[in-house]
C-alpha atoms as a PDB file:
ATOM      1  CA  MET A   1       0.000   0.000   0.000  1.00  0.00           C
ATOM      2  CA  ASP A   2       1.288   3.459  -0.923  1.00  0.00           C
ATOM      3  CA  THR A   3       1.582   6.088   1.746  1.00  0.00           C
ATOM      4  CA  PHE A   4       1.275   9.730   0.835  1.00  0.00           C
ATOM      5  CA  VAL A   5       2.604  12.451   3.072  1.00  0.00           C
ATOM      6  CA  LEU A   6       0.987  15.837   2.691  1.00  0.00           C
ATOM      7  CA  ASN A   7       2.595  18.979   3.924  1.00  0.00           C
ATOM      8  CA  GLY A   8       0.422  21.287   5.990  1.00  0.00           C
ATOM      9  CA  SER A   9      -0.732  23.521   3.150  1.00  0.00           C
ATOM     10  CA  SER A  10      -1.591  20.531   0.901  1.00  0.00           C
ATOM     11  CA  LYS A  11      -3.674  18.976   3.673  1.00  0.00           C
ATOM     12  CA  ILE A  12      -5.491  22.251   4.313  1.00  0.00           C
ATOM     13  CA  ALA A  13      -6.110  22.815   0.595  1.00  0.00           C
ATOM     14  CA  GLY A  14      -7.377  19.246   0.130  1.00  0.00           C
ATOM     15  CA  GLU A  15      -9.739  19.485   3.060  1.00  0.00           C
ATOM     16  CA  ALA A  16     -11.017  22.878   1.903  1.00  0.00           C
ATOM     17  CA  ALA A  17     -11.627  21.525  -1.609  1.00  0.00           C
ATOM     18  CA  ALA A  18     -13.481  18.497  -0.219  1.00  0.00           C
ATOM     19  CA  ASP A  19     -15.652  20.702   2.009  1.00  0.00           C
ATOM     20  CA  TYR A  20     -16.406  23.095  -0.848  1.00  0.00           C
ATOM     21  CA  SER A  21     -17.368  20.256  -3.210  1.00  0.00           C
ATOM     22  CA  GLN A  22     -20.004  19.136  -0.721  1.00  0.00           C
ATOM     23  CA  SER A  23     -21.600  22.590  -0.596  1.00  0.00           C
ATOM     24  CA  VAL A  24     -22.061  23.285  -4.324  1.00  0.00           C
ATOM     25  CA  GLU A  25     -24.498  21.865  -6.800  1.00  0.00           C
ATOM     26  CA  ALA A  26     -23.064  20.083  -9.830  1.00  0.00           C
ATOM     27  CA  PRO A  27     -23.662  22.113 -12.996  1.00  0.00           C
ATOM     28  CA  SER A  28     -26.251  20.885 -15.430  1.00  0.00           C
ATOM     29  CA  ILE A  29     -24.990  20.473 -18.977  1.00  0.00           C
ATOM     30  CA  PRO A  30     -27.651  20.241 -21.692  1.00  0.00           C
ATOM     31  CA  GLU A  31     -27.604  17.027 -23.752  1.00  0.00           C
ATOM     32  CA  ALA A  32     -27.149  19.018 -26.973  1.00  0.00           C
ATOM     33  CA  ARG A  33     -23.978  20.627 -25.576  1.00  0.00           C
ATOM     34  CA  LEU A  34     -22.629  17.245 -24.450  1.00  0.00           C
ATOM     35  CA  ALA A  35     -23.250  15.887 -27.958  1.00  0.00           C
ATOM     36  CA  GLU A  36     -21.335  18.852 -29.446  1.00  0.00           C
ATOM     37  CA  VAL A  37     -18.376  18.230 -27.137  1.00  0.00           C
ATOM     38  CA  VAL A  38     -18.277  14.501 -27.934  1.00  0.00           C
ATOM     39  CA  ASP A  39     -18.544  15.276 -31.657  1.00  0.00           C
ATOM     40  CA  ASP A  40     -15.681  17.774 -31.385  1.00  0.00           C
ATOM     41  CA  ILE A  41     -13.504  15.303 -29.471  1.00  0.00           C
ATOM     42  CA  LEU A  42     -14.065  12.487 -31.963  1.00  0.00           C
ATOM     43  CA  ALA A  43     -13.857  14.615 -35.143  1.00  0.00           C
ATOM     44  CA  PRO A  44     -10.228  13.636 -35.945  1.00  0.00           C
ATOM     45  CA  LEU A  45     -11.304   9.966 -36.035  1.00  0.00           C
ATOM     46  CA  ARG A  46     -13.908  10.747 -38.723  1.00  0.00           C
ATOM     47  CA  ARG A  47     -11.590  12.844 -40.870  1.00  0.00           C
ATOM     48  CA  GLU A  48     -10.341  10.997 -43.957  1.00  0.00           C
ATOM     49  CA  ALA A  49      -8.064  13.797 -45.139  1.00  0.00           C
ATOM     50  CA  GLY A  50      -5.890  16.071 -43.084  1.00  0.00           C
ATOM     51  CA  TYR A  51      -2.642  16.058 -41.142  1.00  0.00           C
ATOM     52  CA  VAL A  52      -1.312  13.240 -39.004  1.00  0.00           C
ATOM     53  CA  PRO A  53      -0.206  14.411 -35.550  1.00  0.00           C
ATOM     54  CA  ALA A  54       3.397  13.233 -36.063  1.00  0.00           C
ATOM     55  CA  TRP A  55       3.883  15.496 -39.080  1.00  0.00           C
ATOM     56  CA  VAL A  56       2.469  18.566 -37.318  1.00  0.00           C
ATOM     57  CA  THR A  57       4.589  17.819 -34.226  1.00  0.00           C
ATOM     58  CA  GLN A  58       7.753  17.526 -36.340  1.00  0.00           C
ATOM     59  CA  THR A  59       6.918  20.817 -38.062  1.00  0.00           C
ATOM     60  CA  LEU A  60       6.350  22.460 -34.675  1.00  0.00           C
ATOM     61  CA  GLN A  61       9.679  21.166 -33.382  1.00  0.00           C
ATOM     62  CA  GLY A  62      11.425  22.526 -36.468  1.00  0.00           C
ATOM     63  CA  ILE A  63      10.007  25.956 -35.694  1.00  0.00           C
ATOM     64  CA  MET A  64      10.695  26.032 -31.950  1.00  0.00           C
ATOM     65  CA  ILE A  65      13.951  24.130 -31.426  1.00  0.00           C
ATOM     66  CA  PRO A  66      16.470  26.289 -33.335  1.00  0.00           C
ATOM     67  CA  ASN A  67      18.831  28.150 -30.990  1.00  0.00           C
ATOM     68  CA  PHE A  68      17.721  31.541 -32.296  1.00  0.00           C
ATOM     69  CA  VAL A  69      14.139  30.871 -31.132  1.00  0.00           C
ATOM     70  CA  LEU A  70      14.501  28.693 -28.054  1.00  0.00           C
ATOM     71  CA  TYR A  71      17.743  29.849 -26.406  1.00  0.00           C
ATOM     72  CA  ILE A  72      19.229  33.046 -27.827  1.00  0.00           C
ATOM     73  CA  LYS A  73      16.173  35.094 -28.666  1.00  0.00           C
ATOM     74  CA  LYS A  74      15.556  38.259 -30.606  1.00  0.00           C
ATOM     75  CA  ALA A  75      12.271  39.788 -31.661  1.00  0.00           C
ATOM     76  CA  PRO A  76      12.381  39.316 -35.474  1.00  0.00           C
ATOM     77  CA  MET A  77      13.129  35.593 -35.192  1.00  0.00           C
ATOM     78  CA  MET A  78      10.466  35.063 -32.518  1.00  0.00           C
ATOM     79  CA  GLN A  79       7.906  37.020 -34.577  1.00  0.00           C
ATOM     80  CA  ALA A  80       8.673  34.837 -37.603  1.00  0.00           C
ATOM     81  CA  ALA A  81       8.323  31.685 -35.490  1.00  0.00           C
ATOM     82  CA  LEU A  82       5.038  33.020 -34.070  1.00  0.00           C
ATOM     83  CA  ALA A  83       3.677  33.495 -37.610  1.00  0.00           C
ATOM     84  CA  TYR A  84       4.398  29.817 -38.307  1.00  0.00           C
ATOM     85  CA  ILE A  85       2.794  28.790 -35.008  1.00  0.00           C
ATOM     86  CA  GLU A  86      -0.321  30.812 -35.840  1.00  0.00           C
ATOM     87  CA  GLU A  87      -0.458  29.009 -39.206  1.00  0.00           C
ATOM     88  CA  LEU A  88      -0.302  25.635 -37.447  1.00  0.00           C
ATOM     89  CA  ARG A  89      -2.951  26.759 -34.927  1.00  0.00           C
ATOM     90  CA  ASP A  90      -5.381  28.159 -37.497  1.00  0.00           C
ATOM     91  CA  HIS A  91      -4.925  25.900 -40.527  1.00  0.00           C
ATOM     92  CA  HIS A  92      -3.309  22.631 -39.484  1.00  0.00           C
ATOM     93  CA  ALA A  93      -4.623  21.833 -35.999  1.00  0.00           C
ATOM     94  CA  PRO A  94      -8.281  21.990 -37.153  1.00  0.00           C
ATOM     95  CA  LEU A  95      -7.446  19.384 -39.819  1.00  0.00           C
ATOM     96  CA  LEU A  96      -5.644  16.882 -37.605  1.00  0.00           C
ATOM     97  CA  ARG A  97      -6.821  13.349 -38.323  1.00  0.00           C
ATOM     98  CA  ALA A  98      -6.531  10.165 -36.333  1.00  0.00           C
ATOM     99  CA  ALA A  99      -6.721   6.541 -37.490  1.00  0.00           C
ATOM    100  CA  ASN A 100      -7.222   5.173 -33.968  1.00  0.00           C
ATOM    101  CA  MET A 101      -7.520   6.168 -30.324  1.00  0.00           C
ATOM    102  CA  HIS A 102      -3.724   6.407 -29.929  1.00  0.00           C
ATOM    103  CA  GLU A 103      -3.534   8.955 -32.746  1.00  0.00           C
ATOM    104  CA  LEU A 104      -6.555  10.762 -31.283  1.00  0.00           C
ATOM    105  CA  ARG A 105      -4.564  11.270 -28.074  1.00  0.00           C
ATOM    106  CA  LEU A 106      -1.596  12.446 -30.138  1.00  0.00           C
ATOM    107  CA  ALA A 107      -3.835  14.893 -32.024  1.00  0.00           C
ATOM    108  CA  PHE A 108      -4.899  16.534 -28.753  1.00  0.00           C
ATOM    109  CA  GLU A 109      -1.328  16.543 -27.442  1.00  0.00           C
ATOM    110  CA  THR A 110      -0.221  18.221 -30.678  1.00  0.00           C
ATOM    111  CA  ARG A 111      -2.890  20.916 -30.322  1.00  0.00           C
ATOM    112  CA  ASN A 112      -1.700  21.535 -26.761  1.00  0.00           C
ATOM    113  CA  MET A 113       1.941  21.756 -27.912  1.00  0.00           C
ATOM    114  CA  ILE A 114       0.938  24.393 -30.474  1.00  0.00           C
ATOM    115  CA  LEU A 115      -0.825  26.391 -27.749  1.00  0.00           C
ATOM    116  CA  SER A 116       2.173  26.031 -25.432  1.00  0.00           C
ATOM    117  CA  ALA A 117       4.551  27.223 -28.186  1.00  0.00           C
ATOM    118  CA  GLU A 118       2.362  30.257 -28.818  1.00  0.00           C
ATOM    119  CA  MET A 119       2.309  31.143 -25.102  1.00  0.00           C
ATOM    120  CA  LYS A 120       6.099  30.762 -24.856  1.00  0.00           C
ATOM    121  CA  LEU A 121       6.725  32.989 -27.879  1.00  0.00           C
ATOM    122  CA  ARG A 122       4.254  35.689 -26.836  1.00  0.00           C
ATOM    123  CA  ALA A 123       5.669  35.800 -23.294  1.00  0.00           C
ATOM    124  CA  SER A 124       9.238  35.869 -24.641  1.00  0.00           C
ATOM    125  CA  LEU A 125       8.366  38.766 -26.939  1.00  0.00           C
ATOM    126  CA  MET A 126       6.695  40.650 -24.092  1.00  0.00           C
ATOM    127  CA  ARG A 127       9.654  40.262 -21.684  1.00  0.00           C
ATOM    128  CA  THR A 128      12.122  42.868 -22.988  1.00  0.00           C
ATOM    129  CA  GLU A 129      15.073  41.847 -20.812  1.00  0.00           C
ATOM    130  CA  SER A 130      17.279  38.835 -20.110  1.00  0.00           C
ATOM    131  CA  ARG A 131      16.642  36.858 -16.919  1.00  0.00           C
ATOM    132  CA  CYS A 132      17.655  33.319 -15.908  1.00  0.00           C
ATOM    133  CA  SER A 133      17.238  30.999 -18.912  1.00  0.00           C
ATOM    134  CA  HIS A 134      15.450  33.714 -20.915  1.00  0.00           C
ATOM    135  CA  PHE A 135      18.185  35.443 -22.945  1.00  0.00           C
ATOM    136  CA  ARG A 136      17.280  38.162 -25.450  1.00  0.00           C
ATOM    137  CA  LEU A 137      20.086  39.161 -27.803  1.00  0.00           C
ATOM    138  CA  ASP A 138      18.214  42.439 -28.416  1.00  0.00           C
ATOM    139  CA  TYR A 139      17.761  42.993 -24.624  1.00  0.00           C
ATOM    140  CA  PRO A 140      20.833  41.398 -23.012  1.00  0.00           C
ATOM    141  CA  ASP A 141      20.560  43.081 -19.602  1.00  0.00           C
ATOM    142  CA  LEU A 142      18.526  42.284 -16.507  1.00  0.00           C
ATOM    143  CA  ASP A 143      15.862  44.966 -15.945  1.00  0.00           C
ATOM    144  CA  ASP A 144      14.595  44.707 -12.359  1.00  0.00           C
ATOM    145  CA  GLU A 145      12.956  48.116 -12.538  1.00  0.00           C
ATOM    146  CA  ASN A 146      10.497  47.025 -15.235  1.00  0.00           C
ATOM    147  CA  TRP A 147      10.607  43.248 -15.176  1.00  0.00           C
ATOM    148  CA  ARG A 148      10.685  41.947 -11.608  1.00  0.00           C
ATOM    149  CA  ALA A 149       7.417  40.377 -12.596  1.00  0.00           C
ATOM    150  CA  TRP A 150       5.605  37.266 -13.683  1.00  0.00           C
ATOM    151  CA  ILE A 151       3.786  37.144 -16.988  1.00  0.00           C
ATOM    152  CA  ASN A 152       0.249  35.853 -16.570  1.00  0.00           C
ATOM    153  CA  ILE A 153      -1.438  34.408 -19.638  1.00  0.00           C
ATOM    154  CA  TYR A 154      -5.197  34.033 -19.808  1.00  0.00           C
ATOM    155  CA  GLN A 155      -8.104  33.837 -22.220  1.00  0.00           C
ATOM    156  CA  ASP A 156     -10.336  36.882 -22.495  1.00  0.00           C
ATOM    157  CA  ALA A 157     -14.128  36.788 -22.940  1.00  0.00           C
ATOM    158  CA  ASP A 158     -13.690  36.423 -26.717  1.00  0.00           C
ATOM    159  CA  GLY A 159     -11.317  33.473 -26.294  1.00  0.00           C
ATOM    160  CA  LYS A 160      -8.214  35.450 -27.291  1.00  0.00           C
ATOM    161  CA  MET A 161      -4.889  35.023 -25.527  1.00  0.00           C
ATOM    162  CA  GLN A 162      -3.994  37.926 -23.248  1.00  0.00           C
ATOM    163  CA  LEU A 163      -0.779  38.580 -21.335  1.00  0.00           C
ATOM    164  CA  GLU A 164      -0.274  40.791 -18.311  1.00  0.00           C
ATOM    165  CA  LYS A 165       2.592  41.647 -16.003  1.00  0.00           C
ATOM    166  CA  GLN A 166       2.280  40.839 -12.299  1.00  0.00           C
ATOM    167  CA  ALA A 167       4.935  42.159  -9.927  1.00  0.00           C
ATOM    168  CA  PHE A 168       6.686  39.431  -7.929  1.00  0.00           C
ATOM    169  CA  ASP A 169       5.402  40.912  -4.667  1.00  0.00           C
ATOM    170  CA  ALA A 170       1.798  41.544  -5.799  1.00  0.00           C
ATOM    171  CA  TRP A 171      -0.872  38.879  -5.882  1.00  0.00           C
ATOM    172  CA  PRO A 172      -4.193  39.261  -7.672  1.00  0.00           C
ATOM    173  CA  THR A 173      -7.292  39.540  -5.501  1.00  0.00           C
END
């Protein structure tokens, strides 16, 4: 039998989550919406033409792995990489196809990798300094005055990616 040791804050958080779950009503999801979600999830299995996840993943890796995008960054190269990522997001990801359940999983992983690459590039473009493993050739110096901050990424009401700076010592309410 496995034994799990929780630190104090994990135990408190777990207990609070359990208590909260007992006090809220489970949301009701209309059958039509559930059918839409299932249809969306299984769409790559029904697609006869499109892109296999392995090809899109290899293309994505070719865009993100070069040193001038991943390690030694500068705006023009990251903007070019972002244009390719947007192309994959808008025109390739919607056409991913899967021959079986394994490829279906890979299709969703590939879509998530595209999203992750977009977040990384947008955050790297926003951070106009060098800090830790983030090195900008066009901004080689540390800039504590402007960039002692996290970059929060979220989806706005229209579903668009938004980025905001949050000072290290300030927490949202």
